Protein backbone atom coordinates (compact mmCIF):
# COMPACT_ATOMS: atom_id res chain seq x y z
CA MET A 1 12.14 9.63 0.03
CA LEU A 2 10.33 7.36 2.54
CA THR A 3 11.46 3.75 2.11
CA LEU A 4 9.59 0.72 3.44
CA THR A 5 10.89 -2.32 5.10
CA ASP A 6 9.70 -5.62 3.68
CA ASN A 7 7.60 -6.00 6.86
CA ALA A 8 5.78 -2.67 6.38
CA SER A 9 5.29 -3.27 2.62
CA THR A 10 3.61 -6.49 3.60
CA ALA A 11 1.39 -5.12 6.51
CA VAL A 12 0.34 -2.06 4.28
CA LYS A 13 -0.52 -4.09 1.51
CA SER A 14 -2.36 -6.68 3.62
CA LEU A 15 -4.29 -3.99 5.52
CA THR A 16 -5.14 -2.35 2.28
CA ASP A 17 -6.36 -5.07 0.50
CA ARG A 18 -8.73 -6.12 3.34
CA THR A 19 -10.11 -2.78 3.89
CA VAL A 20 -10.11 -1.09 0.47
CA SER A 21 -11.99 -2.76 -2.64
CA THR A 22 -9.64 -0.74 -5.31
CA ASP A 23 -6.13 -1.12 -6.63
CA THR A 24 -5.83 2.50 -5.85
CA GLY A 25 -6.00 2.23 -2.24
CA GLY A 26 -3.09 2.74 0.19
CA LEU A 27 -2.01 3.74 3.73
CA ARG A 28 -2.32 7.66 4.15
CA ILE A 29 -0.12 9.54 6.52
CA SER A 30 -0.73 12.97 7.07
CA ALA A 31 0.68 15.76 9.60
CA ALA A 32 -1.80 16.29 12.72
CA VAL A 33 -3.33 19.68 12.47
CA GLU A 34 -2.99 19.94 16.43
CA ASN A 35 0.38 18.78 16.77
CA PRO A 36 2.50 18.95 13.73
CA SER A 37 5.27 16.45 15.17
CA SER A 38 2.70 14.13 15.13
CA PHE A 39 0.83 12.11 12.09
CA ASN A 40 -2.48 10.55 11.36
CA VAL A 41 -2.34 7.32 9.65
CA ALA A 42 -5.65 5.79 7.87
CA VAL A 43 -6.28 3.52 4.75
CA ALA A 44 -7.61 5.52 2.04
CA PRO A 45 -9.53 4.63 -1.16
CA GLN A 46 -7.05 6.86 -3.21
CA PRO A 47 -4.24 9.44 -2.52
CA GLU A 48 -5.42 13.22 -2.46
CA PRO A 49 -4.47 15.34 -5.32
CA ALA A 50 -1.28 16.75 -3.88
CA ASP A 51 -0.05 13.41 -1.92
CA GLU A 52 3.17 11.94 -2.76
CA VAL A 53 2.51 8.25 -3.51
CA ILE A 54 5.31 5.58 -2.49
CA GLU A 55 5.04 2.08 -3.93
CA SER A 56 7.00 -0.82 -2.63
CA ALA A 57 6.40 -4.59 -3.38
CA GLY A 58 2.65 -3.86 -4.30
CA ALA A 59 1.85 -1.45 -1.08
CA ARG A 60 1.16 2.02 -1.64
CA VAL A 61 1.65 4.76 1.08
CA PHE A 62 0.31 8.47 0.49
CA LEU A 63 2.11 11.35 2.12
CA ASP A 64 0.60 14.78 2.47
CA GLU A 65 2.84 17.46 1.77
CA ALA A 66 3.86 18.21 5.39
CA ALA A 67 4.29 14.34 6.25
CA SER A 68 6.54 14.06 3.10
CA LEU A 69 8.93 16.78 4.14
CA ALA A 70 8.89 15.29 7.66
CA VAL A 71 9.49 11.52 6.94
CA GLY A 72 10.92 11.81 3.57
CA ASP A 73 14.49 10.56 4.80
CA LYS A 74 12.93 7.74 7.05
CA VAL A 75 12.33 4.32 6.84
CA LEU A 76 8.92 2.91 7.69
CA ASP A 77 8.73 -0.43 9.71
CA ALA A 78 5.84 -2.32 10.99
CA GLN A 79 5.49 -5.19 13.82
CA VAL A 80 2.68 -6.94 15.10
CA ASP A 81 2.83 -6.71 18.90
CA GLY A 82 1.96 -9.47 21.59
CA GLU A 83 -1.61 -8.78 21.28
CA GLY A 84 -1.97 -8.73 17.90
CA ALA A 85 -2.04 -5.08 17.19
CA LEU A 86 0.13 -3.64 13.81
CA ARG A 87 2.21 -1.04 15.20
CA PHE A 88 4.24 1.44 12.56
CA ALA A 89 7.66 3.15 13.31
CA LEU A 90 9.66 5.39 11.67
CA ALA A 91 13.58 5.28 11.90
CA ASP A 92 16.32 7.05 10.04
CA SER A 93 17.90 5.70 7.04
CA VAL A 94 21.27 3.97 7.03
């Protein structure tokens, strides 16, 4: 199952709290149709019916089926770069 670092949990919760007005919102990761090894990431007001829902420290991440298979054994991290942009990265679980 995808795990989130403390940084990722904080970033996802902060991002969804600012942009979604419901407690059901989260960050949705889905496989890109045009390139299955790439992912689309967007804030969503709720998960899609078939999404896997990951919860960590108040943060919610929704994974479509293809993304769940691809990143299920990964760790999601988040960092703010020098220009203030939020960046997510996947790494192998330890």
